[in-house]
């Protein structure tokens, strides 16, 4: 059974899909009431599942008329994807940034579920048992090599 965070995430993603502009504006309290949870639960979902690394821009205004605006950032077209990935990864990349990029590629339909899982395993700190900054440098090289192999047409 899914937990409340998963349900809230799916609800917000479905709202984004239905939005012609790809933008959703919500009020934390209204959403908390809808899902019978506290507003901090909404904050948790937004801050952990709607990050820039995962392809979202979040704007927030607190106060009486406050809101949270979530916008999906689309990946560039396939022909410029290699350049985008090269700049996103650079010479080194942290595990969380790598996982965010893999998530974004999975959500964008560039990777299937199994490919994404394999990539996450390959770039984990458990698999790359080196000290920093070498671990982030090796992770970047592995990630680039896997993406070139998978996304080459």
Protein backbone atom coordinates (compact mmCIF):
# COMPACT_ATOMS: atom_id res chain seq x y z
CA UNK A 1 0.00 0.00 0.00
CA UNK A 2 1.26 3.46 -0.87
CA UNK A 3 1.92 6.02 1.82
CA UNK A 4 0.50 9.54 2.00
CA UNK A 5 3.65 11.06 0.49
CA UNK A 6 3.35 8.83 -2.60
CA UNK A 7 -0.32 9.72 -2.99
CA UNK A 8 0.36 13.45 -2.70
CA UNK A 9 3.21 13.17 -5.23
CA UNK A 10 1.00 11.34 -7.73
CA UNK A 11 -1.79 13.87 -7.23
CA UNK A 12 0.53 16.80 -7.93
CA UNK A 13 2.06 15.06 -10.96
CA UNK A 14 -1.39 14.37 -12.41
CA UNK A 15 -2.28 18.05 -11.90
CA UNK A 16 0.91 19.01 -13.77
CA UNK A 17 0.04 16.68 -16.65
CA UNK A 18 -3.45 18.14 -16.92
CA UNK A 19 -2.20 21.73 -16.80
CA UNK A 20 -1.78 23.21 -20.30
CA UNK A 21 1.09 25.41 -19.07
CA UNK A 22 2.76 22.64 -17.06
CA UNK A 23 2.41 24.73 -13.89
CA UNK A 24 0.46 23.98 -10.72
CA UNK A 25 -0.27 26.51 -8.01
CA UNK A 26 -1.53 25.16 -4.71
CA UNK A 27 -1.98 26.23 -1.13
CA UNK A 28 -0.33 23.99 1.45
CA UNK A 29 -3.25 24.13 3.88
CA UNK A 30 -5.81 23.23 1.21
CA UNK A 31 -3.74 20.26 0.10
CA UNK A 32 -3.13 19.19 3.71
CA UNK A 33 -6.90 19.29 4.34
CA UNK A 34 -7.55 17.27 1.18
CA UNK A 35 -5.20 14.48 2.29
CA UNK A 36 -5.87 14.77 6.04
CA UNK A 37 -2.26 15.51 6.90
CA UNK A 38 -0.25 18.37 8.34
CA UNK A 39 1.18 21.11 6.07
CA UNK A 40 4.71 19.96 6.94
CA UNK A 41 3.90 16.68 5.13
CA UNK A 42 3.19 18.75 2.00
CA UNK A 43 6.48 20.61 2.49
CA UNK A 44 8.31 17.28 2.79
CA UNK A 45 6.82 15.92 -0.45
CA UNK A 46 7.59 19.11 -2.36
CA UNK A 47 11.14 19.49 -1.03
CA UNK A 48 12.13 15.86 -1.65
CA UNK A 49 10.21 14.88 -4.77
CA UNK A 50 9.95 18.09 -6.76
CA UNK A 51 13.58 19.23 -6.90
CA UNK A 52 15.48 20.90 -9.71
CA UNK A 53 17.56 17.74 -10.15
CA UNK A 54 14.33 15.85 -10.78
CA UNK A 55 13.16 18.42 -13.31
CA UNK A 56 10.98 20.81 -11.31
CA UNK A 57 11.13 24.46 -10.33
CA UNK A 58 9.34 25.29 -7.09
CA UNK A 59 8.42 28.80 -6.01
CA UNK A 60 6.89 29.48 -2.63
CA UNK A 61 5.20 32.44 -0.95
CA UNK A 62 4.29 32.16 2.70
CA UNK A 63 1.59 34.02 4.54
CA UNK A 64 -2.17 34.45 4.29
CA UNK A 65 -2.36 34.43 0.49
CA UNK A 66 0.65 32.16 0.22
CA UNK A 67 1.04 29.49 -2.40
CA UNK A 68 3.40 26.90 -3.81
CA UNK A 69 3.97 26.94 -7.56
CA UNK A 70 5.47 23.85 -9.19
CA UNK A 71 6.64 23.91 -12.78
CA UNK A 72 7.96 20.97 -14.79
CA UNK A 73 11.19 21.73 -16.64
CA UNK A 74 11.28 19.73 -19.86
CA UNK A 75 14.41 18.03 -21.06
CA UNK A 76 15.80 19.37 -24.31
CA UNK A 77 15.04 17.60 -27.59
CA UNK A 78 16.94 14.36 -28.21
CA UNK A 79 19.40 15.95 -30.66
CA UNK A 80 20.72 18.38 -28.03
CA UNK A 81 20.41 15.96 -25.11
CA UNK A 82 24.07 14.91 -25.27
CA UNK A 83 25.26 18.50 -24.89
CA UNK A 84 22.79 19.10 -22.07
CA UNK A 85 23.97 15.96 -20.24
CA UNK A 86 27.64 16.82 -20.71
CA UNK A 87 27.07 20.23 -19.12
CA UNK A 88 24.81 18.82 -16.38
CA UNK A 89 27.30 16.16 -15.36
CA UNK A 90 30.58 17.97 -15.88
CA UNK A 91 33.82 16.46 -14.59
CA UNK A 92 32.28 15.29 -11.33
CA UNK A 93 28.79 14.69 -9.97
CA UNK A 94 27.40 13.83 -6.55
CA UNK A 95 25.27 10.74 -6.00
CA UNK A 96 22.13 12.79 -5.34
CA UNK A 97 22.62 14.89 -8.49
CA UNK A 98 23.28 11.74 -10.56
CA UNK A 99 20.15 10.09 -9.19
CA UNK A 100 18.16 13.24 -9.90
CA UNK A 101 19.35 13.27 -13.50
CA UNK A 102 18.52 9.57 -13.90
CA UNK A 103 15.08 10.25 -12.44
CA UNK A 104 14.53 13.11 -14.88
CA UNK A 105 15.55 10.94 -17.83
CA UNK A 106 13.23 8.16 -16.62
CA UNK A 107 10.32 10.58 -16.23
CA UNK A 108 11.07 12.01 -19.68
CA UNK A 109 10.83 8.57 -21.26
CA UNK A 110 14.51 8.37 -22.25
CA UNK A 111 15.16 5.42 -19.92
CA UNK A 112 13.01 2.49 -18.90
CA UNK A 113 12.59 1.40 -15.28
CA UNK A 114 15.24 -1.33 -15.44
CA UNK A 115 17.84 0.89 -17.14
CA UNK A 116 17.30 3.57 -14.51
CA UNK A 117 17.67 1.03 -11.68
CA UNK A 118 20.90 -0.35 -13.15
CA UNK A 119 22.30 3.15 -13.57
CA UNK A 120 21.42 4.12 -9.99
CA UNK A 121 23.16 0.99 -8.71
CA UNK A 122 26.26 1.67 -10.81
CA UNK A 123 26.68 5.25 -9.58
CA UNK A 124 25.99 4.57 -5.91
CA UNK A 125 28.65 5.30 -3.32
CA UNK A 126 28.55 1.61 -2.38
CA UNK A 127 29.59 0.61 -5.90
CA UNK A 128 32.24 3.33 -6.20
CA UNK A 129 34.22 2.76 -3.01
CA UNK A 130 36.63 5.67 -3.38
CA UNK A 131 37.28 8.78 -1.34
CA UNK A 132 36.00 12.17 -2.48
CA UNK A 133 36.64 13.88 -4.92
CA UNK A 134 37.69 10.77 -6.86
CA UNK A 135 34.33 9.09 -6.27
CA UNK A 136 32.42 11.99 -7.86
CA UNK A 137 34.85 12.10 -10.78
CA UNK A 138 34.54 8.36 -11.46
CA UNK A 139 30.76 8.60 -11.06
CA UNK A 140 30.63 11.33 -13.72
CA UNK A 141 32.67 9.23 -16.17
CA UNK A 142 30.57 6.11 -15.57
CA UNK A 143 27.32 8.06 -15.89
CA UNK A 144 28.41 9.71 -19.14
CA UNK A 145 29.54 6.37 -20.61
CA UNK A 146 26.25 4.67 -19.72
CA UNK A 147 24.15 7.52 -21.09
CA UNK A 148 26.10 7.66 -24.35
CA UNK A 149 25.62 3.91 -24.80
CA UNK A 150 21.91 4.01 -23.95
CA UNK A 151 20.93 7.19 -25.76
CA UNK A 152 23.02 6.75 -28.93
CA UNK A 153 20.85 6.27 -31.99
